[in-house]
Amino acid sequence: MRTYDLAGVGIGPMNLSLAALAAPLEDVTSVFLDQRDGFSWHPGMLVEGTTLQVPFLADLVTMADPTSPYSFLAWLKETGRLYPFYIRESFYPLRAEYDAYCRWAAARLAASAPGMLRWGRRVTAVEHDAASDLFVLTAQVSGPDGTREEKYCAKHVVLGTGTTPHVPAVLRDLSGAGPVVHTGSYLPGRQALIDSGAVTVVGSGQSAGEVYRDLLDAVGVHDPSAAGGAFRLDWVTRSSRFFPMEYTKLTLEMTSPEYTDHYVSLPQDLRDRLGREQRNLYKGMSGDLVDDIYDTLYRRSALGRPLPTTLLTDCEVTAARFDPHGAGGTGEYVLTLHHAQTGQDAEHRTRAVVAATGYRHTVPDLLAPVRDRIDLDDAGRLAVRRDYTVDTGRRLFVAGGEEHTHGVTAPDLGFAPWRASVILARVTGREPYPIERRTAFQTFGLPAHPAPADPPGGPATPGTPQPTTPAPAPQTAEVTP
């Protein structure tokens, strides 16, 4: 059986980034396994016209290797879209463009490195063989003749299994005549939602805003097939406001190696509190979307068009049931809303629900055979070290899912190449891609001593990055005007 230097479980953007950066390295053999038939990035939310919340430079490779043939600009050039993108004068690609770009990169990897990406393989177990000191991955492959097993041996393993849609318990078992869908399945259920005649979006963030804006065009439009006539749309969130993501530049410096060093060094209870407080840094809506929603409502009201819509903040859904005898005899969902500021409760009726309630990371069952080698925190989550390892041997990595340990850089697409560079440095024992140690002008925490350090953009410290346990506080940078 062939032994790989690196095996990846899951082929989402994080592991696809790692694969694209590993492909040119002659001293790294790698294989990446995924249970799907091919690459697909949030297909249920590729709403027409929606954009990424990060610039095009946050592609799979550019922040590690701007010369890579797997860059977003290379895809634009190959598909004849480079000049139209240039003339568009926007840093933010369409979501559909990003998905198409990643599928192109996956296809290009398959052509240049045959066998590196292997689809249709569901990894069921990761084991450690003590005799060889290797990881052994078991994957199930379904075919016309049934299911067979494949085994893969690797010195290092990277988990890129992603997240699963989270639906709160109060909505989880809700069933009735109308659809109840998570935003991850929005597009396949979109027409059924509109046909219901009355939709309530529960949750906040970019996905909630995009769904609300997309359905807003149907508000007030008469549909004879819908009970009650005109389509109604409501939006309920337990957040105190419909908050935008913060894009100010000093705040964006928190997506930096220095802030990640600082965050990792903090106690876990403090990290958990900061994670809740920093939601608006990466879980809010884009300011443009917030403005577009308001401008659309304003435009409709100025024209005297009907606005059967309500936006409710600080309201938590505390109970939900189906009333088969609702308006028109079609049945309705009855949501009990609790307003946190007033302490009041009220019933809200609707015929369909969209749960914009986010995603969750879990410890995959496939790690059960090596659970004794893995560190967990008090909450049962993977205790991810600064170098992204979770096992005692420091050879089992996590690519994505480390928000509770690394903070805002964990879900950031633009930081994926930096993480991949760190992983590849540990795998190879060298630094195939320069790893920035300092990118921020500000200091997080107190400086160890007052001596000035190189400003951002200065020479990188040579050598393989070492894990921080914790990292020393960064020095104060002096910026010359």
Protein backbone atom coordinates (compact mmCIF):
# COMPACT_ATOMS: atom_id res chain seq x y z
CA MET A 1 0.00 0.00 0.00
CA ARG A 2 1.35 3.41 -0.98
CA THR A 3 2.22 5.81 1.83
CA TYR A 4 1.39 9.47 1.30
CA ASP A 5 3.05 12.35 3.05
CA LEU A 6 -0.32 14.02 3.42
CA ALA A 7 -3.93 12.84 3.28
CA GLY A 8 -6.87 15.24 3.39
CA VAL A 9 -10.38 14.34 4.50
CA GLY A 10 -12.94 16.56 2.80
CA ILE A 11 -12.41 18.82 -0.21
CA GLY A 12 -13.94 22.16 0.62
CA PRO A 13 -12.18 25.49 0.00
CA MET A 14 -9.75 24.97 2.91
CA ASN A 15 -8.43 21.60 1.79
CA LEU A 16 -8.67 22.54 -1.89
CA SER A 17 -6.36 25.45 -1.06
CA LEU A 18 -3.95 23.03 0.61
CA ALA A 19 -4.11 20.67 -2.37
CA ALA A 20 -3.41 23.45 -4.87
CA LEU A 21 -0.39 24.61 -2.87
CA ALA A 22 0.89 21.05 -2.29
CA ALA A 23 0.59 20.03 -5.95
CA PRO A 24 3.79 21.75 -7.23
CA LEU A 25 5.95 20.46 -4.35
CA GLU A 26 8.16 17.58 -5.45
CA ASP A 27 8.85 16.45 -1.89
CA VAL A 28 5.15 16.06 -0.96
CA THR A 29 2.87 13.23 -2.05
CA SER A 30 -0.74 13.83 -1.17
CA VAL A 31 -4.26 12.56 -1.64
CA PHE A 32 -7.57 14.20 -0.76
CA LEU A 33 -10.82 12.28 -0.27
CA ASP A 34 -14.43 13.50 -0.35
CA GLN A 35 -17.73 11.68 -0.28
CA ARG A 36 -19.33 13.96 -2.87
CA ASP A 37 -19.14 13.40 -6.63
CA GLY A 38 -17.39 16.71 -7.23
CA PHE A 39 -16.71 20.14 -5.79
CA SER A 40 -19.70 22.20 -4.72
CA TRP A 41 -19.67 25.29 -2.51
CA HIS A 42 -22.92 26.11 -0.70
CA PRO A 43 -25.09 25.33 -3.75
CA GLY A 44 -28.26 26.15 -1.83
CA MET A 45 -27.16 29.77 -1.37
CA LEU A 46 -25.81 30.69 -4.81
CA VAL A 47 -28.48 33.36 -5.12
CA GLU A 48 -28.12 35.38 -8.30
CA GLY A 49 -26.20 38.61 -7.76
CA THR A 50 -24.83 37.79 -4.32
CA THR A 51 -21.12 38.36 -3.72
CA LEU A 52 -18.38 37.14 -1.43
CA GLN A 53 -17.66 39.23 1.65
CA VAL A 54 -13.92 39.05 0.98
CA PRO A 55 -11.91 40.39 -2.00
CA PHE A 56 -10.87 38.22 -4.96
CA LEU A 57 -7.33 38.01 -3.50
CA ALA A 58 -8.84 35.65 -0.90
CA ASP A 59 -8.77 32.82 -3.42
CA LEU A 60 -7.22 29.39 -2.91
CA VAL A 61 -3.58 30.33 -3.40
CA THR A 62 -2.75 33.99 -4.01
CA MET A 63 -1.97 35.00 -0.41
CA ALA A 64 0.67 32.24 -0.32
CA ASP A 65 1.79 32.18 -3.97
CA PRO A 66 0.65 35.02 -6.27
CA THR A 67 2.28 33.20 -9.22
CA SER A 68 0.23 30.03 -8.81
CA PRO A 69 -1.60 28.70 -11.88
CA TYR A 70 -4.59 28.01 -9.60
CA SER A 71 -5.40 31.65 -8.82
CA PHE A 72 -8.70 33.43 -9.38
CA LEU A 73 -7.05 35.73 -11.90
CA ALA A 74 -5.73 32.69 -13.80
CA TRP A 75 -9.30 31.37 -13.97
CA LEU A 76 -10.58 34.73 -15.22
CA LYS A 77 -7.89 34.80 -17.90
CA GLU A 78 -8.52 31.24 -19.05
CA THR A 79 -12.29 31.78 -19.26
CA GLY A 80 -12.01 35.14 -21.05
CA ARG A 81 -13.47 37.08 -18.13
CA LEU A 82 -10.42 39.03 -16.96
CA TYR A 83 -11.25 42.28 -18.77
CA PRO A 84 -14.95 42.26 -17.85
CA PHE A 85 -13.93 41.72 -14.22
CA TYR A 86 -11.44 44.57 -14.51
CA ILE A 87 -14.02 46.93 -15.98
CA ARG A 88 -16.54 45.95 -13.28
CA GLU A 89 -14.21 47.60 -10.74
CA SER A 90 -15.23 45.54 -7.74
CA PHE A 91 -12.94 43.54 -5.49
CA TYR A 92 -15.77 41.18 -4.53
CA PRO A 93 -16.53 38.24 -6.85
CA LEU A 94 -20.00 36.85 -7.26
CA ARG A 95 -20.67 33.78 -5.15
CA ALA A 96 -21.46 31.85 -8.32
CA GLU A 97 -18.10 32.97 -9.74
CA TYR A 98 -16.24 31.71 -6.69
CA ASP A 99 -17.97 28.34 -6.93
CA ALA A 100 -17.15 28.10 -10.65
CA TYR A 101 -13.54 29.10 -9.95
CA CYS A 102 -13.11 26.40 -7.29
CA ARG A 103 -14.60 23.77 -9.62
CA TRP A 104 -12.18 24.90 -12.31
CA ALA A 105 -9.25 24.63 -9.89
CA ALA A 106 -10.36 21.14 -8.86
CA ALA A 107 -10.58 20.07 -12.50
CA ARG A 108 -7.17 21.56 -13.25
CA LEU A 109 -5.68 19.71 -10.28
CA ALA A 110 -7.26 16.48 -11.49
CA ALA A 111 -5.62 16.99 -14.89
CA SER A 112 -2.17 18.00 -13.65
CA ALA A 113 -2.01 15.66 -10.65
CA PRO A 114 -4.14 12.60 -11.47
CA GLY A 115 -5.38 10.76 -8.41
CA MET A 116 -4.71 13.62 -6.02
CA LEU A 117 -8.41 14.48 -5.61
CA ARG A 118 -10.61 11.42 -5.17
CA TRP A 119 -14.34 11.93 -5.10
CA GLY A 120 -17.08 9.51 -4.08
CA ARG A 121 -15.08 8.28 -1.09
CA ARG A 122 -16.59 8.56 2.36
CA VAL A 123 -13.92 8.27 5.03
CA THR A 124 -15.34 6.20 7.89
CA ALA A 125 -12.29 5.84 10.13
CA VAL A 126 -8.86 7.29 10.81
CA GLU A 127 -6.64 4.86 12.70
CA HIS A 128 -3.04 4.95 13.88
CA ASP A 129 -0.81 1.97 13.23
CA ALA A 130 1.71 1.83 16.07
CA ALA A 131 4.14 -0.47 14.25
CA SER A 132 4.61 1.83 11.26
CA ASP A 133 3.64 5.07 13.06
CA LEU A 134 1.33 5.88 10.17
CA PHE A 135 -2.30 6.89 9.90
CA VAL A 136 -4.58 4.48 8.06
CA LEU A 137 -7.74 5.91 6.50
CA THR A 138 -10.68 3.68 5.58
CA ALA A 139 -12.97 4.96 2.85
CA GLN A 140 -16.19 3.50 1.49
CA VAL A 141 -16.76 3.68 -2.25
CA SER A 142 -20.21 3.02 -3.66
CA GLY A 143 -20.56 1.57 -7.14
CA PRO A 144 -22.97 -0.39 -9.31
CA ASP A 145 -21.80 -3.61 -7.68
CA GLY A 146 -22.25 -2.34 -4.14
CA THR A 147 -19.92 -0.77 -1.60
CA ARG A 148 -16.25 -1.56 -1.28
CA GLU A 149 -13.51 -0.32 1.04
CA GLU A 150 -10.25 1.40 0.25
CA LYS A 151 -7.31 1.96 2.59
CA TYR A 152 -4.89 4.89 2.51
CA CYS A 153 -1.69 5.27 4.55
CA ALA A 154 -0.34 8.71 5.38
CA LYS A 155 2.23 10.35 7.60
CA HIS A 156 0.01 13.39 8.14
CA VAL A 157 -3.77 13.88 7.99
CA VAL A 158 -5.69 17.12 7.53
CA LEU A 159 -9.38 17.28 8.49
CA GLY A 160 -11.35 19.58 6.23
CA THR A 161 -14.77 18.11 6.91
CA GLY A 162 -16.52 21.46 7.16
CA THR A 163 -19.68 22.25 9.05
CA THR A 164 -23.21 20.92 9.24
CA PRO A 165 -26.40 23.03 9.12
CA HIS A 166 -27.66 23.90 12.59
CA VAL A 167 -31.38 24.11 13.28
CA PRO A 168 -32.42 25.02 16.84
CA ALA A 169 -34.34 22.35 18.74
CA VAL A 170 -37.48 24.49 18.74
CA LEU A 171 -37.62 24.32 14.91
CA ARG A 172 -35.91 20.97 14.37
CA ASP A 173 -38.99 18.73 14.48
CA LEU A 174 -41.44 21.29 13.13
CA SER A 175 -43.52 19.74 10.37
CA GLY A 176 -46.74 20.68 8.65
CA ALA A 177 -48.19 21.64 5.31
CA GLY A 178 -45.58 24.25 4.42
CA PRO A 179 -41.81 23.99 3.97
CA VAL A 180 -39.32 24.45 6.79
CA VAL A 181 -35.83 24.78 5.29
CA HIS A 182 -32.36 25.73 6.40
CA THR A 183 -30.65 28.40 4.31
CA GLY A 184 -28.24 25.70 3.12
CA SER A 185 -31.16 24.26 1.14
CA TYR A 186 -32.74 27.57 0.21
CA LEU A 187 -32.57 27.51 -3.60
CA PRO A 188 -34.06 23.99 -4.01
CA GLY A 189 -36.94 25.03 -1.72
CA ARG A 190 -37.36 28.58 -2.99
CA GLN A 191 -40.43 28.02 -5.15
CA ALA A 192 -42.20 26.03 -2.45
CA LEU A 193 -41.53 28.89 -0.04
CA ILE A 194 -43.06 31.41 -2.42
CA ASP A 195 -46.00 29.13 -3.17
CA SER A 196 -46.78 28.95 0.55
CA GLY A 197 -47.78 32.61 0.48
CA ALA A 198 -46.20 33.55 3.83
CA VAL A 199 -42.57 33.05 4.83
CA THR A 200 -40.75 33.93 8.04
CA VAL A 201 -36.96 34.10 8.05
CA VAL A 202 -35.54 33.24 11.47
CA GLY A 203 -31.96 34.28 12.18
CA SER A 204 -29.46 36.93 11.25
CA GLY A 205 -26.29 37.34 9.25
CA GLN A 206 -25.47 37.38 5.56
CA SER A 207 -27.50 34.31 4.62
CA ALA A 208 -30.61 35.62 6.37
CA GLY A 209 -30.23 38.97 4.64
CA GLU A 210 -29.71 37.43 1.22
CA VAL A 211 -32.77 35.21 1.58
CA TYR A 212 -34.91 38.10 2.82
CA ARG A 213 -33.75 40.35 -0.03
CA ASP A 214 -34.32 37.63 -2.62
CA LEU A 215 -37.86 36.95 -1.39
CA LEU A 216 -38.62 40.65 -1.01
CA ASP A 217 -39.33 40.94 -4.72
CA ALA A 218 -42.33 38.64 -4.20
CA VAL A 219 -43.83 40.71 -1.37
CA GLY A 220 -47.24 42.13 -2.18
CA VAL A 221 -47.48 40.33 -5.50
CA HIS A 222 -50.85 38.64 -5.85
CA ASP A 223 -50.74 34.90 -6.30
CA PRO A 224 -54.16 33.28 -6.60
CA SER A 225 -52.72 29.90 -5.65
CA ALA A 226 -51.47 31.24 -2.31
CA ALA A 227 -53.90 31.23 0.56
CA GLY A 228 -54.62 34.80 1.60
CA GLY A 229 -53.70 36.25 -1.81
CA ALA A 230 -50.59 38.44 -1.60
CA PHE A 231 -47.27 37.03 -0.53
CA ARG A 232 -46.11 37.99 2.97
CA LEU A 233 -42.53 38.03 4.26
CA ASP A 234 -41.32 38.52 7.84
CA TRP A 235 -37.89 38.50 9.44
CA VAL A 236 -37.25 37.60 13.06
CA THR A 237 -33.88 37.69 14.81
CA ARG A 238 -32.82 37.45 18.43
CA SER A 239 -29.97 39.87 17.69
CA SER A 240 -30.55 43.34 19.08
CA ARG A 241 -30.21 44.84 15.60
CA PHE A 242 -29.65 43.93 11.96
CA PHE A 243 -25.91 44.42 12.22
CA PRO A 244 -23.36 44.75 9.41
CA MET A 245 -19.92 43.26 9.33
CA GLU A 246 -17.23 45.70 10.36
CA TYR A 247 -14.84 46.49 7.54
CA THR A 248 -12.68 49.22 9.09
CA LYS A 249 -9.04 48.59 8.36
CA LEU A 250 -7.64 48.46 11.87
CA THR A 251 -10.35 45.95 12.74
CA LEU A 252 -9.48 43.89 9.67
CA GLU A 253 -5.95 43.63 11.09
CA MET A 254 -7.42 41.07 13.49
CA THR A 255 -7.22 38.63 10.59
CA SER A 256 -3.48 38.48 11.11
CA PRO A 257 -0.88 36.07 12.44
CA GLU A 258 -0.23 38.38 15.39
CA TYR A 259 -3.84 38.50 16.53
CA THR A 260 -4.14 34.75 16.10
CA ASP A 261 -1.03 34.32 18.27
CA HIS A 262 -2.63 36.54 20.89
CA TYR A 263 -6.01 34.80 20.71
CA VAL A 264 -4.53 31.31 21.00
CA SER A 265 -2.59 32.35 24.12
CA LEU A 266 -5.76 33.33 26.01
CA PRO A 267 -7.67 31.01 28.38
CA GLN A 268 -10.48 29.09 26.70
CA ASP A 269 -13.27 30.75 28.72
CA LEU A 270 -12.02 34.16 27.62
CA ARG A 271 -11.77 32.99 24.00
CA ASP A 272 -15.37 31.78 24.16
CA ARG A 273 -16.53 35.16 25.46
CA LEU A 274 -14.55 37.04 22.81
CA GLY A 275 -15.97 34.76 20.13
CA ARG A 276 -19.49 35.80 21.11
CA GLU A 277 -18.55 39.47 21.26
CA GLN A 278 -16.83 39.40 17.87
CA ARG A 279 -19.77 38.06 15.89
CA ASN A 280 -20.08 41.29 13.92
CA LEU A 281 -16.53 40.81 12.60
CA TYR A 282 -17.51 37.86 10.42
CA LYS A 283 -21.14 36.88 11.01
CA GLY A 284 -22.86 40.14 10.15
CA MET A 285 -24.21 41.30 6.81
CA SER A 286 -22.35 43.36 4.26
CA GLY A 287 -23.16 47.04 4.55
CA ASP A 288 -24.23 47.08 0.90
CA LEU A 289 -26.82 44.38 1.56
CA VAL A 290 -28.23 46.23 4.57
CA ASP A 291 -28.53 49.40 2.49
CA ASP A 292 -30.07 47.54 -0.45
CA ILE A 293 -32.77 46.04 1.78
CA TYR A 294 -33.61 49.45 3.24
CA ASP A 295 -33.57 51.17 -0.16
CA THR A 296 -35.88 48.51 -1.59
CA LEU A 297 -38.35 48.94 1.27
CA TYR A 298 -38.16 52.72 0.89
CA ARG A 299 -38.66 52.56 -2.88
CA ARG A 300 -41.68 50.29 -2.51
CA SER A 301 -43.23 52.56 0.12
CA ALA A 302 -42.59 55.72 -1.94
CA LEU A 303 -44.46 54.18 -4.87
CA GLY A 304 -47.38 53.27 -2.67
CA ARG A 305 -46.89 49.56 -3.26
CA PRO A 306 -48.00 47.17 -0.50
CA LEU A 307 -45.44 46.20 2.12
CA PRO A 308 -46.76 43.12 3.91
CA THR A 309 -43.52 42.60 5.80
CA THR A 310 -42.31 42.98 9.37
CA LEU A 311 -38.75 43.06 10.69
CA LEU A 312 -38.44 42.08 14.35
CA THR A 313 -35.23 42.31 16.38
CA ASP A 314 -34.41 41.04 19.87
CA CYS A 315 -37.04 38.33 19.41
CA GLU A 316 -36.26 34.69 20.15
CA VAL A 317 -38.44 31.82 18.95
CA THR A 318 -39.14 29.95 22.18
CA ALA A 319 -41.83 27.56 20.92
CA ALA A 320 -43.29 26.43 17.60
CA ARG A 321 -46.22 24.29 16.54
CA PHE A 322 -48.35 23.57 13.49
CA ASP A 323 -52.02 24.61 13.46
CA PRO A 324 -53.78 22.60 10.73
CA HIS A 325 -56.82 24.89 10.98
CA GLY A 326 -54.99 28.12 10.16
CA ALA A 327 -56.13 30.81 7.75
CA GLY A 328 -57.68 29.46 4.57
CA GLY A 329 -57.71 25.95 5.98
CA THR A 330 -54.19 25.37 4.67
CA GLY A 331 -52.62 25.36 8.09
CA GLU A 332 -50.09 27.66 9.68
CA TYR A 333 -47.03 27.48 11.85
CA VAL A 334 -47.41 29.31 15.12
CA LEU A 335 -44.13 30.68 16.49
CA THR A 336 -43.98 31.99 20.03
CA LEU A 337 -41.71 35.03 20.12
CA HIS A 338 -40.10 36.37 23.29
CA HIS A 339 -38.89 39.95 23.20
CA ALA A 340 -35.76 40.22 25.35
CA GLN A 341 -36.02 43.93 26.11
CA THR A 342 -39.69 44.08 27.08
CA GLY A 343 -40.05 40.54 28.38
CA GLN A 344 -43.27 40.15 26.39
CA ASP A 345 -44.40 37.07 24.47
CA ALA A 346 -46.49 37.01 21.31
CA GLU A 347 -47.64 34.52 18.70
CA HIS A 348 -46.55 34.89 15.11
CA ARG A 349 -48.27 32.97 12.30
CA THR A 350 -46.67 31.94 9.04
CA ARG A 351 -46.96 29.17 6.45
CA ALA A 352 -43.25 28.55 5.84
CA VAL A 353 -40.02 29.01 7.77
CA VAL A 354 -36.44 29.61 6.67
CA ALA A 355 -33.92 28.82 9.41
CA ALA A 356 -30.96 31.14 8.89
CA THR A 357 -29.38 29.72 12.01
CA GLY A 358 -25.88 28.97 10.87
CA TYR A 359 -23.64 25.93 10.96
CA ARG A 360 -21.83 23.95 13.64
CA HIS A 361 -18.52 22.13 13.87
CA THR A 362 -18.48 18.73 15.53
CA VAL A 363 -15.82 16.15 16.29
CA PRO A 364 -16.22 13.69 13.38
CA ASP A 365 -17.09 10.11 14.27
CA LEU A 366 -14.30 8.95 11.96
CA LEU A 367 -11.81 10.03 14.65
CA ALA A 368 -13.16 7.50 17.17
CA PRO A 369 -10.26 5.04 16.62
CA VAL A 370 -7.70 7.73 17.49
CA ARG A 371 -9.69 9.50 20.20
CA ASP A 372 -7.03 8.54 22.77
CA ARG A 373 -4.46 10.52 20.76
CA ILE A 374 -6.60 13.65 20.43
CA ASP A 375 -6.86 16.56 22.84
CA LEU A 376 -10.34 17.89 23.63
CA ASP A 377 -11.29 20.92 25.68
CA ASP A 378 -13.78 20.99 28.55
CA ALA A 379 -16.65 21.47 26.10
CA GLY A 380 -15.70 18.36 24.10
CA ARG A 381 -14.31 20.35 21.18
CA LEU A 382 -11.02 19.71 19.43
CA ALA A 383 -8.25 21.52 21.31
CA VAL A 384 -6.49 22.91 18.25
CA ARG A 385 -2.92 24.08 18.79
CA ARG A 386 -1.42 27.16 17.18
CA ASP A 387 0.07 24.99 14.39
CA TYR A 388 -3.42 23.50 13.72
CA THR A 389 -2.59 20.07 15.15
CA VAL A 390 -4.90 18.23 17.54
CA ASP A 391 -3.05 14.99 18.29
CA THR A 392 -0.21 14.03 20.61
CA GLY A 393 2.10 13.31 17.66
CA ARG A 394 1.46 16.72 16.06
CA ARG A 395 0.61 15.19 12.68
CA LEU A 396 -3.19 15.40 12.64
CA PHE A 397 -4.31 18.85 11.48
CA VAL A 398 -7.58 20.76 11.31
CA ALA A 399 -8.31 23.02 8.33
CA GLY A 400 -11.36 25.02 9.35
CA GLY A 401 -13.42 24.56 12.48
CA GLU A 402 -10.97 26.14 14.90
CA GLU A 403 -12.92 29.34 15.63
CA HIS A 404 -13.02 28.50 19.34
CA THR A 405 -9.22 28.36 19.48
CA HIS A 406 -7.99 30.67 16.70
CA GLY A 407 -10.76 33.26 16.43
CA VAL A 408 -11.71 35.26 13.36
CA THR A 409 -8.99 33.86 11.08
CA ALA A 410 -10.49 30.34 11.21
CA PRO A 411 -13.39 30.87 8.76
CA ASP A 412 -11.64 33.55 6.70
CA LEU A 413 -11.08 32.37 3.12
CA GLY A 414 -8.14 34.74 2.72
CA PHE A 415 -6.32 33.11 5.63
CA ALA A 416 -6.63 29.58 4.21
CA PRO A 417 -3.38 29.84 2.16
CA TRP A 418 -1.53 31.02 5.29
CA ARG A 419 -2.80 28.02 7.24
CA ALA A 420 -1.88 25.73 4.33
CA SER A 421 1.62 27.23 4.29
CA VAL A 422 2.07 26.44 7.99
CA ILE A 423 0.84 22.87 7.52
CA LEU A 424 3.11 22.29 4.52
CA ALA A 425 6.07 23.67 6.48
CA ARG A 426 5.49 21.08 9.19
CA VAL A 427 5.02 18.30 6.63
CA THR A 428 8.19 19.14 4.68
CA GLY A 429 10.43 20.44 7.44
CA ARG A 430 11.07 23.53 5.37
CA GLU A 431 9.11 26.61 4.31
CA PRO A 432 7.86 26.07 0.73
CA TYR A 433 5.92 29.33 0.86
CA PRO A 434 7.06 32.39 2.83
CA ILE A 435 5.08 32.64 6.05
CA GLU A 436 4.40 36.15 7.28
CA ARG A 437 4.96 36.56 11.01
CA ARG A 438 3.93 40.20 11.12
CA THR A 439 1.27 41.92 9.05
CA ALA A 440 -0.37 44.35 11.49
CA PHE A 441 0.61 47.88 12.47
CA GLN A 442 -1.00 47.51 15.89
CA THR A 443 -0.04 45.41 18.89
CA PHE A 444 -2.42 42.93 20.51
CA GLY A 445 -1.80 42.61 24.21
CA LEU A 446 1.10 44.38 25.92
CA PRO A 447 4.52 44.39 24.24
CA ALA A 448 7.15 42.19 25.82
CA HIS A 449 9.57 45.13 25.82
CA PRO A 450 9.61 48.54 24.14
CA ALA A 451 12.18 47.76 21.44
CA PRO A 452 10.77 48.50 17.94
CA ALA A 453 10.19 45.75 15.44
CA ASP A 454 10.21 45.70 11.67
CA PRO A 455 7.06 47.31 10.22
CA PRO A 456 4.65 45.17 8.19
CA GLY A 457 6.14 44.23 4.87
CA GLY A 458 9.60 43.74 6.32
CA PRO A 459 11.65 40.60 5.80
CA ALA A 460 10.15 37.37 7.08
CA THR A 461 11.97 35.48 9.79
CA PRO A 462 13.60 32.47 8.10
CA GLY A 463 12.93 28.94 9.21
CA THR A 464 10.01 26.66 9.85
CA PRO A 465 7.23 28.20 12.01
CA GLN A 466 7.15 26.85 15.55
CA PRO A 467 3.94 26.21 17.49
CA THR A 468 3.13 28.86 20.09
CA THR A 469 2.24 27.74 23.59
CA PRO A 470 1.62 30.66 23.95
CA ALA A 471 3.48 32.94 21.55
CA PRO A 472 5.41 35.81 23.08
CA ALA A 473 3.59 39.10 22.79
CA PRO A 474 4.53 40.90 19.57
CA GLN A 475 6.74 43.94 19.82
CA THR A 476 5.47 47.44 19.22
CA ALA A 477 5.80 48.52 15.60
CA GLU A 478 6.93 52.06 14.84
CA VAL A 479 5.36 53.41 11.70
CA THR A 480 7.15 56.29 10.01
CA PRO A 481 4.74 58.74 8.37
